[in-house]
Protein backbone atom coordinates (compact mmCIF):
# COMPACT_ATOMS: atom_id res chain seq x y z
CA MET A 1 83.60 129.54 83.74
CA SER A 2 87.37 129.52 83.31
CA GLY A 3 88.62 126.10 84.51
CA TYR A 4 85.31 124.38 84.26
CA TRP A 5 83.63 122.43 81.44
CA PRO A 6 81.27 124.63 79.41
CA SER A 7 78.05 123.07 80.58
CA ARG A 8 75.01 124.61 82.22
CA TRP A 9 75.97 123.25 85.68
CA PRO A 10 79.63 122.05 85.72
CA GLY A 11 80.02 122.05 89.49
CA GLU A 12 78.50 122.91 92.86
CA ASP A 13 76.83 126.32 92.83
CA ALA A 14 77.68 126.44 89.08
CA GLY A 15 81.26 127.62 89.67
CA ALA A 16 83.98 129.03 91.84
CA SER A 17 82.10 132.37 92.66
CA ARG A 18 79.08 130.48 93.95
CA LEU A 19 76.55 132.49 91.92
CA GLN A 20 74.17 129.58 92.09
CA ALA A 21 72.76 130.33 88.66
CA PRO A 22 72.95 128.18 85.46
CA TRP A 23 75.30 129.23 82.70
CA PRO A 24 73.79 130.17 79.37
CA VAL A 25 74.31 127.23 77.00
CA ALA A 26 72.98 127.01 73.38
CA GLY A 27 69.74 125.01 73.27
CA SER A 28 68.87 125.57 76.97
CA PRO A 29 66.06 127.80 78.18
CA ALA A 30 66.83 131.04 79.96
CA GLY A 31 64.76 129.97 83.01
CA LEU A 32 61.86 127.78 84.05
CA GLY A 33 59.29 130.03 82.49
CA ILE A 34 56.53 129.03 84.95
CA LYS A 35 53.04 129.91 83.81
CA PRO A 36 49.76 130.14 85.76
CA GLY A 37 48.46 126.57 86.20
CA GLN A 38 51.82 125.14 85.20
CA GLN A 39 51.90 121.28 84.85
CA PHE A 40 54.95 119.51 86.24
CA GLU A 41 56.30 116.11 87.13
CA VAL A 42 58.57 114.95 89.94
CA VAL A 43 60.62 111.79 89.78
CA SER A 44 62.59 110.61 92.82
CA ARG A 45 64.52 107.59 94.03
CA GLU A 46 65.97 106.58 97.30
CA ALA A 47 69.64 107.43 97.27
CA MET A 48 71.23 107.61 100.63
CA ALA A 49 73.78 110.36 101.25
CA THR A 50 73.48 112.07 97.83
CA THR A 51 75.48 115.40 97.68
CA MET A 52 75.03 116.88 94.23
CA VAL A 53 74.38 116.48 90.50
CA VAL A 54 76.69 118.03 87.84
CA LEU A 55 76.30 118.20 84.08
CA ARG A 56 78.72 117.56 81.30
CA ASP A 57 77.67 117.34 77.62
CA PRO A 58 73.91 117.07 76.76
CA GLY A 59 72.55 113.91 78.35
CA GLU A 60 75.54 113.44 80.69
CA ALA A 61 74.44 113.90 84.31
CA TYR A 62 76.61 112.64 87.29
CA VAL A 63 75.80 112.19 90.95
CA LEU A 64 78.14 112.10 93.94
CA HIS A 65 77.25 109.62 96.74
CA HIS A 66 78.96 108.62 99.95
CA THR A 67 78.61 106.48 103.05
CA MET A 68 78.36 107.89 106.59
CA GLY A 69 80.64 107.60 109.57
CA MET A 70 84.38 108.04 110.26
CA ASP A 71 85.76 105.65 107.71
CA THR A 72 83.78 106.35 104.51
CA ILE A 73 83.84 105.85 100.80
CA SER A 74 82.38 107.94 98.03
CA TRP A 75 81.37 106.93 94.45
CA VAL A 76 80.10 108.56 91.30
CA GLU A 77 77.09 107.46 89.22
CA GLN A 78 76.30 108.62 85.72
CA ILE A 79 72.52 108.66 85.63
CA ASP A 80 69.74 108.95 83.07
CA PRO A 81 68.96 112.68 83.21
CA GLU A 82 65.25 112.10 83.19
CA THR A 83 64.51 108.87 85.01
CA LEU A 84 67.46 109.24 87.46
CA GLU A 85 68.24 105.48 87.05
CA PRO A 86 72.00 104.69 87.23
CA LEU A 87 73.69 104.05 83.79
CA ARG A 88 77.13 103.34 85.19
CA ARG A 89 79.03 103.51 88.52
CA SER A 90 82.57 104.18 89.56
CA VAL A 91 84.52 101.90 91.90
CA ASP A 92 84.41 102.78 95.55
CA LEU A 93 86.62 105.80 96.09
CA ALA A 94 88.70 106.04 99.28
CA ALA A 95 87.54 108.83 101.58
CA GLY A 96 87.94 108.62 105.36
CA PRO A 97 86.35 111.09 107.71
CA MET A 98 82.90 112.24 106.57
CA TRP A 99 81.59 115.65 105.59
CA PRO A 100 79.76 116.38 102.34
CA GLY A 101 82.41 117.00 99.68
CA GLY A 102 82.10 118.04 96.07
CA MET A 103 82.43 117.20 92.44
CA ALA A 104 82.95 119.23 89.22
CA VAL A 105 83.65 118.77 85.58
CA HIS A 106 87.00 120.26 84.69
CA ALA A 107 87.78 122.11 81.42
CA ASN A 108 89.86 119.07 80.44
CA GLY A 109 86.69 116.95 80.44
CA SER A 110 87.53 114.91 83.58
CA LEU A 111 85.32 114.62 86.65
CA TYR A 112 87.03 115.62 89.96
CA VAL A 113 85.89 114.53 93.42
CA VAL A 114 87.06 115.77 96.81
CA PHE A 115 85.47 113.82 99.63
CA GLY A 116 86.91 112.89 102.98
CA ARG A 117 90.71 113.25 102.88
CA TYR A 118 91.01 112.20 99.25
CA ALA A 119 90.89 113.80 95.80
CA HIS A 120 90.01 111.77 92.70
CA ARG A 121 90.18 112.34 88.96
CA LEU A 122 87.71 110.30 86.94
CA ALA A 123 87.12 109.88 83.15
CA PRO A 124 83.61 110.50 81.81
CA ASP A 125 82.99 106.73 81.98
CA THR A 126 83.64 107.05 85.69
CA SER A 127 86.87 105.13 85.59
CA VAL A 128 89.64 106.38 87.94
CA ILE A 129 92.58 108.27 86.36
CA ALA A 130 94.35 109.53 89.47
CA SER A 131 93.83 109.64 93.29
CA ARG A 132 95.55 111.53 96.05
CA GLU A 133 95.47 111.38 99.82
CA LEU A 134 95.31 114.92 101.30
CA PRO A 135 97.61 115.99 104.19
CA ARG A 136 95.30 116.25 107.18
CA ASN A 137 93.18 113.57 108.74
CA ARG A 138 90.10 115.71 108.44
CA PRO A 139 87.41 115.86 105.77
CA TYR A 140 88.12 118.33 102.88
CA ASN A 141 84.84 120.05 102.17
CA SER A 142 84.98 120.32 98.41
CA PHE A 143 87.08 122.57 96.16
CA VAL A 144 87.12 125.19 93.41
CA ILE A 145 88.85 125.05 90.00
CA LEU A 146 91.16 127.98 89.26
CA PRO A 147 91.48 129.66 85.89
CA ASP A 148 94.77 127.74 85.07
CA GLY A 149 93.09 124.41 85.92
CA HIS A 150 94.65 123.79 89.37
CA ILE A 151 92.39 122.48 92.20
CA ALA A 152 92.12 124.44 95.43
CA THR A 153 90.83 122.71 98.50
CA LYS A 154 90.78 123.12 102.28
CA ASP A 155 90.14 120.95 105.41
CA PHE A 156 86.93 121.29 107.26
CA ALA A 157 87.54 122.51 110.84
CA GLY A 158 84.11 122.31 112.24
CA GLU A 159 82.30 119.89 114.59
CA ARG A 160 80.78 116.86 112.85
CA PRO A 161 78.83 113.85 113.83
CA LEU A 162 80.74 110.67 114.76
CA ARG A 163 84.07 112.55 115.01
CA ASP A 164 86.75 110.47 116.87
CA PRO A 165 87.32 112.49 120.11
CA ASN A 166 90.80 110.84 120.48
CA VAL A 167 92.05 112.55 117.31
CA GLU A 168 93.59 115.97 118.01
CA ASN A 169 92.59 118.63 115.51
CA PRO A 170 94.79 121.52 114.38
CA PRO A 171 93.61 124.92 115.59
CA ASN A 172 93.49 126.28 112.01
CA SER A 173 92.83 125.17 108.41
CA GLU A 174 95.14 124.63 105.52
CA LEU A 175 94.74 125.61 101.83
CA VAL A 176 96.09 123.07 99.30
CA ILE A 177 96.71 123.36 95.58
CA LEU A 178 96.65 120.20 93.34
CA GLU A 179 97.74 120.13 89.75
CA PRO A 180 95.02 118.59 87.55
CA ASN A 181 96.89 115.79 85.80
CA GLY A 182 98.09 113.48 88.51
CA LEU A 183 96.70 115.49 91.53
CA GLU A 184 100.23 116.25 92.84
CA ILE A 185 100.26 118.70 95.75
CA VAL A 186 102.10 121.75 94.42
CA ALA A 187 101.39 124.30 97.19
CA ARG A 188 100.29 124.44 100.80
CA LEU A 189 99.43 127.44 103.01
CA THR A 190 98.55 127.26 106.81
CA LEU A 191 95.78 129.81 107.42
CA PRO A 192 95.66 131.94 110.52
CA GLU A 193 92.13 130.77 111.43
CA ALA A 194 90.12 127.62 111.41
CA SER A 195 87.49 127.54 108.60
CA ILE A 196 84.24 125.63 108.32
CA ALA A 197 82.89 127.20 105.10
CA ARG A 198 83.58 126.04 101.55
CA ILE A 199 86.03 128.23 99.67
CA SER A 200 85.27 130.44 96.73
CA ALA A 201 87.38 132.16 94.05
CA ASP A 202 87.28 135.22 91.86
CA GLY A 203 89.97 134.56 89.19
CA ASN A 204 93.16 133.79 91.13
CA ASP A 205 91.95 135.38 94.35
CA ILE A 206 90.72 132.60 96.73
CA TYR A 207 88.34 133.65 99.52
CA ILE A 208 88.05 131.67 102.77
CA VAL A 209 85.55 132.42 105.58
CA GLY A 210 87.32 131.78 108.82
CA GLU A 211 85.76 131.57 112.32
CA GLU A 212 86.32 135.27 112.67
CA SER A 213 87.36 136.80 109.36
CA LEU A 214 87.07 136.63 105.60
CA MET A 215 90.59 135.76 104.37
CA ARG A 216 92.04 136.41 100.87
CA VAL A 217 94.81 134.31 99.30
CA ARG A 218 96.40 134.97 95.91
CA TRP A 219 97.44 132.07 93.65
CA ASP A 220 100.23 132.84 91.10
CA GLY A 221 102.13 129.61 91.23
CA THR A 222 102.56 130.13 94.99
CA LEU A 223 100.00 130.93 97.73
CA THR A 224 100.17 134.26 99.39
CA LEU A 225 97.90 135.36 102.24
CA ASP A 226 96.81 139.10 101.86
CA THR A 227 97.72 140.26 105.29
CA ALA A 228 96.44 143.81 104.56
CA PHE A 229 92.88 142.59 103.92
CA ASP A 230 90.96 142.56 107.16
CA GLY A 231 87.42 141.24 106.63
CA ARG A 232 86.59 140.69 110.34
CA TYR A 233 82.82 139.99 110.57
CA ARG A 234 82.51 138.37 113.94
CA THR A 235 82.13 141.37 116.19
CA MET A 236 79.31 140.82 118.68
CA PRO A 237 78.64 138.54 121.65
CA GLY A 238 76.62 135.44 120.75
CA GLN A 239 77.51 135.63 117.05
CA THR A 240 79.11 132.47 115.47
CA TYR A 241 80.98 131.63 112.35
CA GLY A 242 79.93 132.17 108.68
CA TRP A 243 79.46 129.80 105.75
CA ASP A 244 80.17 129.80 102.04
CA PRO A 245 80.75 133.21 100.36
CA VAL A 246 79.17 134.37 97.13
CA LEU A 247 81.45 136.66 95.12
CA THR A 248 79.78 139.35 92.94
CA GLY A 249 79.82 143.04 92.34
CA GLY A 250 82.97 143.66 94.22
CA ALA A 251 81.79 141.99 97.43
CA ALA A 252 81.60 138.75 99.33
CA TRP A 253 78.26 137.85 100.76
CA PHE A 254 77.63 135.11 103.27
CA LEU A 255 75.46 134.10 106.29
CA ASP A 256 76.78 133.92 109.90
CA ASN A 257 75.65 131.91 113.00
CA GLY A 258 76.67 128.63 111.43
CA ASP A 259 77.23 126.83 114.85
CA GLY A 260 74.73 124.12 115.53
CA GLY A 261 74.75 122.34 112.24
CA THR A 262 75.42 118.98 114.15
CA ASN A 263 71.87 119.45 115.61
CA TYR A 264 70.44 118.36 112.19
CA VAL A 265 67.95 115.61 112.80
CA GLY A 266 66.32 115.48 109.38
CA THR A 267 65.58 119.18 109.68
CA LEU A 268 67.47 122.23 110.91
CA ARG A 269 64.37 123.75 112.42
CA GLY A 270 64.98 124.54 116.04
CA GLY A 271 68.65 123.56 115.91
CA GLY A 272 70.25 127.00 116.47
CA VAL A 273 72.54 127.78 119.40
CA SER A 274 73.76 131.35 118.57
CA GLU A 275 72.32 133.95 120.96
CA ALA A 276 72.83 136.88 118.53
CA PRO A 277 70.43 137.26 115.58
CA LEU A 278 71.60 135.77 112.22
CA HIS A 279 73.01 138.15 109.73
CA LEU A 280 73.54 138.60 105.95
CA VAL A 281 77.23 139.58 105.90
CA ARG A 282 78.65 141.76 103.14
CA VAL A 283 82.42 142.33 102.94
CA ASP A 284 83.69 144.91 100.45
CA LEU A 285 86.55 143.26 98.49
CA ALA A 286 88.41 146.58 97.87
CA GLU A 287 88.37 148.06 101.37
CA GLY A 288 87.45 145.00 103.57
CA ALA A 289 84.60 146.94 105.08
CA VAL A 290 81.92 144.73 106.70
CA SER A 291 78.19 145.33 107.01
CA LEU A 292 75.63 143.16 108.84
CA THR A 293 71.97 142.93 108.05
CA GLU A 294 69.61 140.91 110.40
CA ILE A 295 67.56 138.21 108.65
CA CYS A 296 64.72 138.24 111.11
CA GLY A 297 66.09 139.50 114.41
CA LEU A 298 65.43 136.36 116.35
CA PRO A 299 68.01 134.55 118.44
CA MET A 300 69.10 130.94 118.13
CA GLY A 301 69.29 131.15 114.26
CA LEU A 302 71.18 128.73 112.14
CA VAL A 303 72.22 128.18 108.57
CA VAL A 304 74.80 125.85 106.94
CA ASN A 305 74.77 127.24 103.37
CA PRO A 306 75.12 130.59 101.38
CA PRO A 307 72.68 133.34 100.42
CA VAL A 308 71.78 134.05 96.78
CA ILE A 309 72.64 137.41 95.24
CA ASP A 310 70.95 138.83 92.10
CA PRO A 311 73.32 141.62 90.89
CA GLN A 312 71.07 142.60 88.06
CA ARG A 313 68.10 143.35 90.33
CA ARG A 314 70.24 144.23 93.39
CA ILE A 315 68.48 141.66 95.53
CA ALA A 316 70.05 139.53 98.23
CA VAL A 317 68.14 136.63 99.74
CA GLY A 318 69.05 135.06 103.07
CA TYR A 319 67.50 132.72 105.44
CA ASP A 320 67.38 131.41 109.01
CA SER A 321 66.88 127.66 108.94
CA SER A 322 66.32 127.24 112.67
CA ASN A 323 63.62 129.93 112.90
CA GLY A 324 62.11 129.10 109.52
CA VAL A 325 62.48 132.54 107.87
CA LEU A 326 63.43 133.43 104.29
CA ALA A 327 64.05 137.08 103.57
CA ALA A 328 65.04 139.31 100.69
CA PHE A 329 66.71 142.74 100.72
CA SER A 330 67.33 145.28 97.99
CA PHE A 331 70.85 146.86 98.02
CA ASP A 332 72.38 150.01 96.44
CA GLU A 333 75.84 150.43 94.86
CA ALA A 334 77.44 150.75 98.26
CA GLY A 335 75.78 147.58 99.51
CA ASN A 336 73.33 149.30 101.91
CA THR A 337 70.31 147.04 102.35
CA THR A 338 66.55 147.64 102.64
CA PRO A 339 63.99 144.92 103.52
CA LEU A 340 62.04 143.78 100.41
CA TRP A 341 60.05 140.80 101.48
CA SER A 342 60.04 138.05 104.15
CA ARG A 343 58.16 134.76 104.50
CA GLU A 344 57.89 131.85 106.90
CA GLN A 345 59.59 128.85 105.13
CA ASN A 346 61.79 126.01 106.24
CA HIS A 347 64.52 126.50 103.70
CA ALA A 348 68.00 125.02 104.28
CA CYS A 349 69.67 123.89 101.02
CA HIS A 350 71.66 125.98 98.64
CA PRO A 351 69.29 128.24 96.66
CA LEU A 352 69.28 128.37 92.87
CA LEU A 353 68.55 131.47 90.77
CA PHE A 354 67.30 131.64 87.17
CA ALA A 355 68.65 135.17 86.71
CA GLU A 356 67.03 136.10 83.39
CA THR A 357 63.52 135.26 84.56
CA GLY A 358 63.93 136.09 88.29
CA GLU A 359 62.80 132.55 89.40
CA LEU A 360 64.33 131.44 92.65
CA PHE A 361 64.47 127.87 93.70
CA THR A 362 64.07 127.15 97.52
CA ASN A 363 63.04 124.22 99.59
CA ASP A 364 60.47 124.02 102.41
CA HIS A 365 60.39 121.07 104.81
CA ASP A 366 57.05 119.93 106.09
CA ALA A 367 57.87 118.17 109.42
CA THR A 368 54.27 117.08 109.93
CA ARG A 369 54.40 114.90 106.77
CA PHE A 370 58.11 114.34 106.72
CA MET A 371 58.32 115.79 103.21
CA ASP A 372 60.73 118.28 101.70
CA GLN A 373 59.26 120.45 98.88
CA PHE A 374 60.43 122.29 95.81
CA VAL A 375 59.25 125.90 96.11
CA ILE A 376 59.83 128.38 93.21
CA LEU A 377 59.48 132.05 94.12
CA ASP A 378 59.49 135.39 92.24
CA ILE A 379 62.79 136.88 93.62
CA THR A 380 61.37 140.42 93.36
CA THR A 381 58.12 139.90 95.25
CA GLY A 382 58.61 136.68 97.17
CA ALA A 383 55.39 135.34 95.51
CA GLU A 384 55.11 131.61 95.23
CA LYS A 385 55.04 130.38 91.59
CA LEU A 386 55.13 126.56 92.09
CA ARG A 387 55.25 124.09 94.94
CA ALA A 388 55.83 120.28 94.69
CA ASP A 389 56.75 117.41 96.98
CA SER A 390 60.24 116.26 96.34
CA GLY A 391 59.76 112.69 97.71
CA SER A 392 62.49 113.27 100.35
CA PRO A 393 61.48 112.81 103.96
CA ALA A 394 64.63 114.64 105.09
CA GLN A 395 65.18 118.40 104.65
CA SER A 396 67.82 119.01 102.06
CA VAL A 397 70.76 120.87 103.41
CA LEU A 398 72.76 120.12 100.24
CA PHE A 399 72.84 121.11 96.57
CA PRO A 400 70.38 121.58 93.82
CA ALA A 401 71.39 121.77 90.10
CA ALA A 402 69.71 123.18 87.03
CA GLY A 403 68.97 120.44 84.52
CA PHE A 404 69.36 120.55 80.74
CA GLY A 405 65.91 122.11 80.20
CA ARG A 406 63.12 123.33 82.34
CA ASP A 407 64.08 121.08 85.25
CA ILE A 408 65.80 121.08 88.62
CA TYR A 409 67.64 118.29 90.50
CA LEU A 410 67.69 118.20 94.29
CA SER A 411 69.85 116.05 96.57
CA SER A 412 69.25 115.13 100.10
CA PHE A 413 70.66 112.57 102.64
CA THR A 414 67.95 110.15 101.66
CA THR A 415 66.80 111.09 98.13
CA LEU A 416 67.56 112.23 94.65
CA SER A 417 64.76 114.18 93.00
CA ARG A 418 64.00 115.84 89.67
CA LEU A 419 61.28 118.45 89.10
CA SER A 420 60.46 118.94 85.35
CA LEU A 421 57.95 121.30 83.84
CA ILE A 422 55.59 120.10 81.23
CA ASP A 423 55.15 122.19 78.10
């Protein structure tokens, strides 16, 4: 958690390594602890273009929102953690070109937002402390906080709805480092590839999934690309680029065949364009060796988000949102995978793992009812433990967050929802 506020869920995916598992905090349960016949409650409110919820101190929950289009704004709400009603709201925050950005609570107690081509630092009362326009006229798809408190961010190089065709895009991406006080730019590094995925970090090593390779950059006051590290994963005809990497157990794990995300029409089902089957990709961080595991073997697969990895049980869970398949694999010390279970399910958002209890949050979009659902699974067996309507007509392709107790928040482009279990 170095660099982040010591809460249960201080930023997207719970931190820079994207483990997607809540941090242990005194007074919070280890997991959901779902029992047979478990009673629950779902509260939701219409909240257009909601990206994520993050937690600060007990009772302090914040939500990132934005408008849509080419010239957008974002804003932050502090909400009642149970009713979801707004308690206070920031001023409109300058943004620009749209792609979902990110928010986190820094170890210094401030909230940081990167959305569009701007970064902002906010006080806990949502007042603005500092703002910074970022170098490229592209959206910057979020950031990670490094152990020394610096902010690492990168421009989004993929296709996006409503992009101005008259604006020429660079053929690559650029990594940018901001100091946390006034958001001054202190380092920049042009990368050898374009990158669509969000970045991740393990200590001072920043990992970027490019269109062809996994790249590693070291931060030590300057940025240095590790040119000896060759994590080339795109090796077959019909295979397309990968998304956000999960860093654990000496490896980076992500999903490929990300092309087609602009085909989202309230669901990703049927939106794939990649002719090769979709893969769970594992890149060894010591040797750079790459292994590919097919999720379901079907063509025209699509994802826009990361897998979830349970290092304790040695289980990796991936999915194909276009073909509607969710699949788990066991893996050994060398990363060799064996199929564990598979199920038909329209999952698309970031997963969430309660590691101690083995409870896995996923979503399942019912297109006949236009309803996204909370689905809690046993990660070992794939057995369904709980299912509940979220209130969102759109399939979430965004972020869940663990709440302060036995609860989960879910964000979508239309709705903010909270599932809470009743003792």
